[in-house]
Amino acid sequence: MVLHGLGTPGHSSAMTEQEFRVWLQKVDVNGDGRISRQELKDALRVIGTNCAWWKAWRAMKYADLNHNNYIDGEQEIKELIQHAAERWGIVVRR
């Protein structure tokens, strides 16, 4: 699994929603258009997040509205953005 160039949303104190969405596209390493818990966990680990497995699990519980084990669709992405802002300390400017 290649996560080079993933970048880190936490390196700056704030990012735009578009920048966060670009980061999410990079998280989708297999390119299937959706984010699995494993992809999210691996991405969080790459950026140096503590307890990446727990944060990925919590994010999926919060944002996976249709319970298919993927973040897919606009509403689920919005939920993930909100969760990241509230729980990961990432400031997402609109």
N, C-alpha and C. Protein backbone atom coordinates (compact mmCIF):
# COMPACT_ATOMS: atom_id res chain seq x y z
N MET A 1 0.83 -1.17 0.00
CA MET A 1 0.00 0.00 0.00
C MET A 1 0.88 1.24 0.00
N VAL A 2 0.65 2.13 -0.91
CA VAL A 2 1.47 3.32 -1.04
C VAL A 2 0.70 4.52 -0.54
N LEU A 3 1.30 5.21 0.42
CA LEU A 3 0.67 6.41 0.95
C LEU A 3 1.59 7.61 0.81
N HIS A 4 2.60 7.50 -0.03
CA HIS A 4 3.51 8.62 -0.25
C HIS A 4 2.73 9.81 -0.80
N GLY A 5 3.11 10.99 -0.38
CA GLY A 5 2.45 12.19 -0.86
C GLY A 5 1.10 12.44 -0.22
N LEU A 6 0.79 11.69 0.82
CA LEU A 6 -0.50 11.84 1.47
C LEU A 6 -0.65 13.21 2.08
N GLY A 7 0.45 13.75 2.57
CA GLY A 7 0.36 15.06 3.22
C GLY A 7 -0.29 14.92 4.57
N THR A 8 -0.28 15.97 5.31
CA THR A 8 -0.87 15.91 6.63
C THR A 8 -1.78 17.09 6.87
N PRO A 9 -3.05 16.84 7.11
CA PRO A 9 -3.92 17.95 7.40
C PRO A 9 -3.56 18.66 8.69
N GLY A 10 -2.89 17.99 9.61
CA GLY A 10 -2.56 18.59 10.89
C GLY A 10 -1.32 19.47 10.89
N HIS A 11 -0.57 19.53 9.79
CA HIS A 11 0.65 20.32 9.79
C HIS A 11 0.39 21.81 9.84
N SER A 12 -0.70 22.26 9.30
CA SER A 12 -1.05 23.66 9.47
C SER A 12 -2.23 23.71 10.43
N SER A 13 -2.45 24.84 11.02
CA SER A 13 -3.52 24.93 12.00
C SER A 13 -4.90 24.91 11.35
N ALA A 14 -4.95 25.20 10.06
CA ALA A 14 -6.24 25.23 9.38
C ALA A 14 -6.06 24.88 7.91
N MET A 15 -7.13 24.41 7.32
CA MET A 15 -7.15 24.12 5.89
C MET A 15 -8.56 24.40 5.40
N THR A 16 -8.68 24.58 4.11
CA THR A 16 -10.01 24.78 3.55
C THR A 16 -10.69 23.42 3.42
N GLU A 17 -11.99 23.46 3.26
CA GLU A 17 -12.73 22.22 3.05
C GLU A 17 -12.23 21.53 1.78
N GLN A 18 -11.91 22.31 0.76
CA GLN A 18 -11.41 21.73 -0.49
C GLN A 18 -10.07 21.02 -0.26
N GLU A 19 -9.18 21.62 0.52
CA GLU A 19 -7.90 20.98 0.83
C GLU A 19 -8.12 19.66 1.58
N PHE A 20 -9.07 19.65 2.50
CA PHE A 20 -9.36 18.41 3.22
C PHE A 20 -9.92 17.36 2.28
N ARG A 21 -10.77 17.77 1.35
CA ARG A 21 -11.32 16.82 0.38
C ARG A 21 -10.23 16.24 -0.52
N VAL A 22 -9.26 17.06 -0.90
CA VAL A 22 -8.13 16.56 -1.69
C VAL A 22 -7.36 15.52 -0.87
N TRP A 23 -7.15 15.80 0.42
CA TRP A 23 -6.48 14.83 1.30
C TRP A 23 -7.28 13.53 1.35
N LEU A 24 -8.61 13.63 1.44
CA LEU A 24 -9.44 12.42 1.47
C LEU A 24 -9.30 11.61 0.19
N GLN A 25 -9.17 12.29 -0.95
CA GLN A 25 -8.98 11.56 -2.21
C GLN A 25 -7.69 10.76 -2.17
N LYS A 26 -6.66 11.30 -1.54
CA LYS A 26 -5.39 10.58 -1.42
C LYS A 26 -5.50 9.42 -0.44
N VAL A 27 -6.38 9.55 0.54
CA VAL A 27 -6.61 8.47 1.50
C VAL A 27 -7.17 7.24 0.79
N ASP A 28 -7.97 7.45 -0.24
CA ASP A 28 -8.57 6.37 -1.02
C ASP A 28 -7.50 5.75 -1.92
N VAL A 29 -6.61 4.96 -1.32
CA VAL A 29 -5.44 4.47 -2.05
C VAL A 29 -5.77 3.48 -3.16
N ASN A 30 -6.87 2.76 -3.05
CA ASN A 30 -7.20 1.81 -4.12
C ASN A 30 -8.06 2.45 -5.21
N GLY A 31 -8.46 3.71 -5.03
CA GLY A 31 -9.16 4.45 -6.06
C GLY A 31 -10.58 3.99 -6.35
N ASP A 32 -11.23 3.34 -5.38
CA ASP A 32 -12.59 2.86 -5.63
C ASP A 32 -13.66 3.91 -5.34
N GLY A 33 -13.24 5.12 -4.96
CA GLY A 33 -14.18 6.19 -4.73
C GLY A 33 -14.81 6.20 -3.35
N ARG A 34 -14.31 5.37 -2.47
CA ARG A 34 -14.81 5.33 -1.11
C ARG A 34 -13.66 5.05 -0.16
N ILE A 35 -13.85 5.38 1.10
CA ILE A 35 -12.79 5.25 2.09
C ILE A 35 -13.17 4.16 3.09
N SER A 36 -12.33 3.16 3.18
CA SER A 36 -12.56 2.09 4.15
C SER A 36 -11.94 2.47 5.50
N ARG A 37 -12.31 1.75 6.53
CA ARG A 37 -11.72 1.99 7.85
C ARG A 37 -10.22 1.76 7.79
N GLN A 38 -9.78 0.74 7.07
CA GLN A 38 -8.35 0.45 6.97
C GLN A 38 -7.61 1.59 6.28
N GLU A 39 -8.17 2.11 5.20
CA GLU A 39 -7.53 3.24 4.51
C GLU A 39 -7.43 4.45 5.42
N LEU A 40 -8.49 4.71 6.16
CA LEU A 40 -8.49 5.85 7.08
C LEU A 40 -7.48 5.64 8.20
N LYS A 41 -7.45 4.44 8.74
CA LYS A 41 -6.49 4.12 9.81
C LYS A 41 -5.06 4.27 9.31
N ASP A 42 -4.76 3.74 8.14
CA ASP A 42 -3.41 3.84 7.58
C ASP A 42 -3.02 5.30 7.35
N ALA A 43 -3.96 6.10 6.84
CA ALA A 43 -3.68 7.52 6.60
C ALA A 43 -3.42 8.26 7.90
N LEU A 44 -4.21 7.98 8.91
CA LEU A 44 -4.01 8.63 10.21
C LEU A 44 -2.68 8.22 10.82
N ARG A 45 -2.31 6.98 10.63
CA ARG A 45 -1.01 6.51 11.14
C ARG A 45 0.14 7.23 10.42
N VAL A 46 0.03 7.38 9.10
CA VAL A 46 1.08 8.04 8.31
C VAL A 46 1.30 9.47 8.77
N ILE A 47 0.23 10.17 9.13
CA ILE A 47 0.39 11.56 9.55
C ILE A 47 0.75 11.68 11.03
N GLY A 48 0.96 10.54 11.68
CA GLY A 48 1.46 10.56 13.05
C GLY A 48 0.40 10.69 14.12
N THR A 49 -0.82 10.35 13.80
CA THR A 49 -1.91 10.44 14.76
C THR A 49 -1.79 9.33 15.80
N ASN A 50 -1.92 9.69 17.05
CA ASN A 50 -1.96 8.69 18.12
C ASN A 50 -3.28 7.94 18.06
N CYS A 51 -3.25 6.66 18.38
CA CYS A 51 -4.45 5.81 18.42
C CYS A 51 -5.21 5.83 17.10
N ALA A 52 -4.49 5.68 16.00
CA ALA A 52 -5.11 5.76 14.67
C ALA A 52 -6.24 4.77 14.51
N TRP A 53 -6.08 3.55 15.02
CA TRP A 53 -7.13 2.54 14.87
C TRP A 53 -8.42 3.00 15.56
N TRP A 54 -8.28 3.58 16.74
CA TRP A 54 -9.44 4.05 17.50
C TRP A 54 -10.11 5.23 16.79
N LYS A 55 -9.31 6.17 16.33
CA LYS A 55 -9.87 7.34 15.66
C LYS A 55 -10.56 6.96 14.35
N ALA A 56 -10.00 6.00 13.63
CA ALA A 56 -10.63 5.53 12.40
C ALA A 56 -11.95 4.83 12.72
N TRP A 57 -11.95 4.01 13.75
CA TRP A 57 -13.17 3.30 14.16
C TRP A 57 -14.26 4.28 14.54
N ARG A 58 -13.91 5.28 15.37
CA ARG A 58 -14.88 6.28 15.81
C ARG A 58 -15.40 7.09 14.62
N ALA A 59 -14.51 7.45 13.72
CA ALA A 59 -14.93 8.23 12.56
C ALA A 59 -15.91 7.44 11.70
N MET A 60 -15.65 6.16 11.53
CA MET A 60 -16.56 5.32 10.74
C MET A 60 -17.92 5.21 11.43
N LYS A 61 -17.93 5.03 12.74
CA LYS A 61 -19.19 4.94 13.47
C LYS A 61 -19.99 6.23 13.31
N TYR A 62 -19.29 7.35 13.27
CA TYR A 62 -19.94 8.65 13.18
C TYR A 62 -20.40 8.97 11.75
N ALA A 63 -19.55 8.72 10.78
CA ALA A 63 -19.79 9.21 9.42
C ALA A 63 -20.41 8.20 8.46
N ASP A 64 -20.31 6.91 8.75
CA ASP A 64 -20.85 5.89 7.85
C ASP A 64 -22.36 5.74 8.08
N LEU A 65 -23.11 6.63 7.48
CA LEU A 65 -24.54 6.73 7.75
C LEU A 65 -25.33 5.52 7.26
N ASN A 66 -24.89 4.89 6.17
CA ASN A 66 -25.62 3.73 5.65
C ASN A 66 -25.05 2.40 6.14
N HIS A 67 -24.06 2.46 7.00
CA HIS A 67 -23.48 1.28 7.66
C HIS A 67 -22.96 0.22 6.68
N ASN A 68 -22.33 0.68 5.59
CA ASN A 68 -21.77 -0.26 4.63
C ASN A 68 -20.25 -0.41 4.80
N ASN A 69 -19.71 0.15 5.89
CA ASN A 69 -18.29 0.07 6.23
C ASN A 69 -17.39 0.90 5.32
N TYR A 70 -17.96 1.89 4.67
CA TYR A 70 -17.21 2.81 3.83
C TYR A 70 -17.73 4.23 4.01
N ILE A 71 -16.84 5.19 3.85
CA ILE A 71 -17.25 6.58 3.72
C ILE A 71 -17.42 6.81 2.23
N ASP A 72 -18.64 6.94 1.81
CA ASP A 72 -18.93 7.16 0.40
C ASP A 72 -20.16 8.06 0.30
N GLY A 73 -20.18 8.89 -0.65
CA GLY A 73 -21.30 9.81 -0.82
C GLY A 73 -21.04 11.14 -0.13
N GLU A 74 -21.66 12.14 -0.66
CA GLU A 74 -21.43 13.52 -0.20
C GLU A 74 -21.78 13.72 1.27
N GLN A 75 -22.90 13.19 1.71
CA GLN A 75 -23.30 13.40 3.11
C GLN A 75 -22.32 12.75 4.07
N GLU A 76 -21.83 11.57 3.74
CA GLU A 76 -20.87 10.90 4.62
C GLU A 76 -19.54 11.65 4.65
N ILE A 77 -19.13 12.23 3.53
CA ILE A 77 -17.91 13.03 3.52
C ILE A 77 -18.08 14.27 4.40
N LYS A 78 -19.25 14.90 4.31
CA LYS A 78 -19.52 16.06 5.18
C LYS A 78 -19.47 15.66 6.65
N GLU A 79 -20.02 14.50 6.97
CA GLU A 79 -19.99 14.01 8.35
C GLU A 79 -18.55 13.76 8.80
N LEU A 80 -17.73 13.20 7.92
CA LEU A 80 -16.33 12.95 8.26
C LEU A 80 -15.58 14.27 8.47
N ILE A 81 -15.85 15.25 7.64
CA ILE A 81 -15.22 16.57 7.81
C ILE A 81 -15.60 17.16 9.16
N GLN A 82 -16.86 17.07 9.51
CA GLN A 82 -17.31 17.58 10.81
C GLN A 82 -16.65 16.82 11.95
N HIS A 83 -16.57 15.51 11.82
CA HIS A 83 -15.94 14.69 12.86
C HIS A 83 -14.46 15.05 13.00
N ALA A 84 -13.78 15.22 11.89
CA ALA A 84 -12.36 15.58 11.93
C ALA A 84 -12.16 16.92 12.63
N ALA A 85 -13.04 17.86 12.36
CA ALA A 85 -12.93 19.17 12.99
C ALA A 85 -13.19 19.08 14.49
N GLU A 86 -14.15 18.26 14.88
CA GLU A 86 -14.52 18.16 16.30
C GLU A 86 -13.58 17.27 17.10
N ARG A 87 -13.10 16.18 16.51
CA ARG A 87 -12.38 15.16 17.27
C ARG A 87 -10.88 15.08 16.99
N TRP A 88 -10.45 15.52 15.80
CA TRP A 88 -9.04 15.39 15.45
C TRP A 88 -8.29 16.71 15.58
N GLY A 89 -9.00 17.77 15.91
CA GLY A 89 -8.35 19.07 16.07
C GLY A 89 -7.94 19.72 14.76
N ILE A 90 -8.56 19.30 13.68
CA ILE A 90 -8.27 19.89 12.37
C ILE A 90 -9.28 21.00 12.13
N VAL A 91 -8.80 22.19 11.90
CA VAL A 91 -9.68 23.32 11.63
C VAL A 91 -9.96 23.34 10.13
N VAL A 92 -11.21 23.16 9.78
CA VAL A 92 -11.60 23.15 8.37
C VAL A 92 -12.41 24.42 8.11
N ARG A 93 -11.81 25.32 7.33
CA ARG A 93 -12.49 26.57 6.97
C ARG A 93 -13.39 26.32 5.78
N ARG A 94 -14.51 26.92 5.79
CA ARG A 94 -15.46 26.77 4.67
C ARG A 94 -15.13 27.73 3.57
